[in-house]
Amino acid sequence: MQYEEMMQQLTALTRRLETEQLSLEEATRLYTQGMELSAKCHRLLEEAVLSVQEIPVPASGNEGSE
């Protein structure tokens, strides 16, 4: 599952928890599911940041002017 899909699911879960009259059991299940999705999203973001940090940065623009 991709990040965007997980965020959509997390948003839907949050909306249900905030707006619906749920049993304690159902609310706990949805909360747990949301926390798992949140952790997965966080891991994906961390991986993305690390991969961006590994991209080499070109040297500043004085090359080739000598």
Protein backbone atom coordinates (compact mmCIF):
# COMPACT_ATOMS: atom_id res chain seq x y z
CA MET A 1 0.00 0.00 0.00
CA GLN A 2 1.29 3.46 -0.88
CA TYR A 3 1.65 6.42 1.45
CA GLU A 4 -1.28 8.32 -0.06
CA GLU A 5 -3.61 5.34 0.35
CA MET A 6 -2.58 4.88 3.96
CA MET A 7 -3.17 8.57 4.67
CA GLN A 8 -6.65 8.34 3.14
CA GLN A 9 -7.44 5.34 5.33
CA LEU A 10 -6.05 7.12 8.38
CA THR A 11 -8.21 10.16 7.62
CA ALA A 12 -11.30 7.98 7.25
CA LEU A 13 -10.57 6.19 10.54
CA THR A 14 -10.09 9.50 12.32
CA ARG A 15 -13.34 10.83 10.92
CA ARG A 16 -15.20 7.75 12.12
CA LEU A 17 -13.70 8.00 15.59
CA GLU A 18 -14.62 11.68 15.82
CA THR A 19 -18.15 11.53 14.42
CA GLU A 20 -19.69 8.12 15.04
CA GLN A 21 -21.12 6.61 18.19
CA LEU A 22 -18.92 3.52 18.41
CA SER A 23 -18.73 0.81 21.00
CA LEU A 24 -15.60 0.82 23.11
CA GLU A 25 -14.48 -2.36 21.38
CA GLU A 26 -14.92 -0.88 17.88
CA ALA A 27 -13.31 2.43 18.86
CA THR A 28 -10.33 0.58 20.32
CA ARG A 29 -9.99 -1.53 17.18
CA LEU A 30 -10.10 1.54 14.93
CA TYR A 31 -7.65 3.42 17.16
CA THR A 32 -5.20 0.50 17.03
CA GLN A 33 -5.55 0.27 13.26
CA GLY A 34 -4.96 4.02 12.99
CA MET A 35 -1.84 3.87 15.13
CA GLU A 36 -0.44 1.08 12.96
CA LEU A 37 -1.14 3.10 9.79
CA SER A 38 0.43 6.17 11.37
CA ALA A 39 3.59 4.22 12.22
CA LYS A 40 3.83 2.87 8.66
CA CYS A 41 3.40 6.38 7.23
CA HIS A 42 6.08 7.70 9.57
CA ARG A 43 8.50 4.95 8.47
CA LEU A 44 7.84 5.72 4.79
CA LEU A 45 8.50 9.43 5.38
CA GLU A 46 11.73 8.65 7.22
CA GLU A 47 12.86 6.44 4.33
CA ALA A 48 12.02 9.19 1.83
CA VAL A 49 14.01 11.76 3.82
CA LEU A 50 17.01 9.42 3.97
CA SER A 51 16.90 8.74 0.25
CA VAL A 52 16.70 12.48 -0.51
CA GLN A 53 19.64 13.15 1.81
CA GLU A 54 21.70 10.61 -0.15
CA ILE A 55 21.27 12.51 -3.44
CA PRO A 56 24.59 14.12 -4.27
CA VAL A 57 24.55 17.91 -4.32
CA PRO A 58 26.42 19.42 -7.28
CA ALA A 59 29.27 21.76 -6.48
CA SER A 60 28.54 25.47 -6.72
CA GLY A 61 28.57 27.16 -10.12
CA ASN A 62 32.25 28.11 -10.65
CA GLU A 63 33.11 24.97 -12.59
CA GLY A 64 34.07 25.35 -16.24
CA SER A 65 34.65 29.11 -16.04
CA GLU A 66 38.46 28.84 -15.83
